[in-house]
Amino acid sequence: MAELGTLGYPRCIPLSADEDGVIQSQVFPGLWLAVNDLLARDMGGSLCFSEGLTAPEHTAFVQQLSK
């Protein structure tokens, strides 16, 4: 069993997958990870680019970076 998390002071804070088994990065909006594929070492399937890159949070993130 693997545990994914985000850095929080003073320790790592576990992140929970949604009902589809996907964890959405809090640091990089649009970076979505499919937990089951990640644990199966299916790197192609573990990155949910098509869904994450079309999310409104990713669009706002890109716009903020371009300023």
C-alpha atoms as a PDB file:
ATOM      1  CA  MET A   1       0.000   0.000   0.000  1.00  0.00           C
ATOM      2  CA  ALA A   2       1.335   3.408  -0.921  1.00  0.00           C
ATOM      3  CA  GLU A   3       0.427   6.679   0.701  1.00  0.00           C
ATOM      4  CA  LEU A   4       0.493   9.882  -1.285  1.00  0.00           C
ATOM      5  CA  GLY A   5       0.520  13.225   0.416  1.00  0.00           C
ATOM      6  CA  THR A   6       1.300  16.885   0.291  1.00  0.00           C
ATOM      7  CA  LEU A   7       3.914  18.612   2.362  1.00  0.00           C
ATOM      8  CA  GLY A   8       2.518  20.364   5.368  1.00  0.00           C
ATOM      9  CA  TYR A   9       4.293  21.696   8.368  1.00  0.00           C
ATOM     10  CA  PRO A  10       5.511  19.777  10.305  1.00  0.00           C
ATOM     11  CA  ARG A  11       4.667  16.582   8.401  1.00  0.00           C
ATOM     12  CA  CYS A  12       3.208  15.126   5.230  1.00  0.00           C
ATOM     13  CA  ILE A  13      -0.590  15.386   5.000  1.00  0.00           C
ATOM     14  CA  PRO A  14      -2.208  12.362   3.286  1.00  0.00           C
ATOM     15  CA  LEU A  15      -4.297  13.032   0.183  1.00  0.00           C
ATOM     16  CA  SER A  16      -7.413  11.028  -0.619  1.00  0.00           C
ATOM     17  CA  ALA A  17      -8.412   9.886  -4.074  1.00  0.00           C
ATOM     18  CA  ASP A  18     -11.837  10.840  -5.420  1.00  0.00           C
ATOM     19  CA  GLU A  19     -14.554   8.315  -6.315  1.00  0.00           C
ATOM     20  CA  ASP A  20     -12.739   7.587  -9.618  1.00  0.00           C
ATOM     21  CA  GLY A  21      -9.474   6.789  -7.810  1.00  0.00           C
ATOM     22  CA  VAL A  22      -7.793  10.035  -8.897  1.00  0.00           C
ATOM     23  CA  ILE A  23      -5.691  12.368  -6.764  1.00  0.00           C
ATOM     24  CA  GLN A  24      -5.575  15.997  -7.901  1.00  0.00           C
ATOM     25  CA  SER A  25      -2.402  17.933  -7.103  1.00  0.00           C
ATOM     26  CA  GLN A  26      -2.890  20.916  -4.822  1.00  0.00           C
ATOM     27  CA  VAL A  27       0.403  22.443  -5.993  1.00  0.00           C
ATOM     28  CA  PHE A  28       0.075  21.989  -9.776  1.00  0.00           C
ATOM     29  CA  PRO A  29      -3.590  22.341 -10.830  1.00  0.00           C
ATOM     30  CA  GLY A  30      -4.222  19.998 -13.741  1.00  0.00           C
ATOM     31  CA  LEU A  31      -1.822  17.310 -12.526  1.00  0.00           C
ATOM     32  CA  TRP A  32      -4.102  14.387 -11.781  1.00  0.00           C
ATOM     33  CA  LEU A  33      -2.839  10.933 -10.816  1.00  0.00           C
ATOM     34  CA  ALA A  34      -4.808   7.706 -11.175  1.00  0.00           C
ATOM     35  CA  VAL A  35      -3.818   5.846  -8.005  1.00  0.00           C
ATOM     36  CA  ASN A  36      -4.513   2.276  -9.192  1.00  0.00           C
ATOM     37  CA  ASP A  37      -2.503   2.801 -12.386  1.00  0.00           C
ATOM     38  CA  LEU A  38       0.307   4.420 -10.413  1.00  0.00           C
ATOM     39  CA  LEU A  39       0.466   1.470  -8.003  1.00  0.00           C
ATOM     40  CA  ALA A  40       0.461  -0.925 -10.980  1.00  0.00           C
ATOM     41  CA  ARG A  41       3.423   1.060 -12.392  1.00  0.00           C
ATOM     42  CA  ASP A  42       1.408   1.991 -15.485  1.00  0.00           C
ATOM     43  CA  MET A  43       2.924   5.438 -15.925  1.00  0.00           C
ATOM     44  CA  GLY A  44       0.979   6.114 -19.125  1.00  0.00           C
ATOM     45  CA  GLY A  45      -2.334   5.440 -17.425  1.00  0.00           C
ATOM     46  CA  SER A  46      -1.412   7.077 -14.141  1.00  0.00           C
ATOM     47  CA  LEU A  47      -1.261  10.610 -15.548  1.00  0.00           C
ATOM     48  CA  CYS A  48      -4.772  11.865 -16.335  1.00  0.00           C
ATOM     49  CA  PHE A  49      -3.653  14.694 -18.601  1.00  0.00           C
ATOM     50  CA  SER A  50      -6.743  15.018 -20.764  1.00  0.00           C
ATOM     51  CA  GLU A  51      -9.048  15.519 -17.797  1.00  0.00           C
ATOM     52  CA  GLY A  52      -6.664  17.599 -15.688  1.00  0.00           C
ATOM     53  CA  LEU A  53      -5.557  19.971 -18.433  1.00  0.00           C
ATOM     54  CA  THR A  54      -9.138  20.877 -19.286  1.00  0.00           C
ATOM     55  CA  ALA A  55     -10.056  21.654 -15.664  1.00  0.00           C
ATOM     56  CA  PRO A  56     -10.899  25.300 -14.880  1.00  0.00           C
ATOM     57  CA  GLU A  57      -8.297  25.252 -12.091  1.00  0.00           C
ATOM     58  CA  HIS A  58      -5.566  24.446 -14.620  1.00  0.00           C
ATOM     59  CA  THR A  59      -6.676  27.271 -16.918  1.00  0.00           C
ATOM     60  CA  ALA A  60      -6.539  29.751 -14.019  1.00  0.00           C
ATOM     61  CA  PHE A  61      -3.106  28.400 -13.015  1.00  0.00           C
ATOM     62  CA  VAL A  62      -1.723  28.896 -16.542  1.00  0.00           C
ATOM     63  CA  GLN A  63      -3.159  32.407 -16.719  1.00  0.00           C
ATOM     64  CA  GLN A  64      -1.531  33.270 -13.383  1.00  0.00           C
ATOM     65  CA  LEU A  65       1.847  31.966 -14.628  1.00  0.00           C
ATOM     66  CA  SER A  66       1.645  34.091 -17.782  1.00  0.00           C
ATOM     67  CA  LYS A  67       1.362  37.356 -15.825  1.00  0.00           C
END
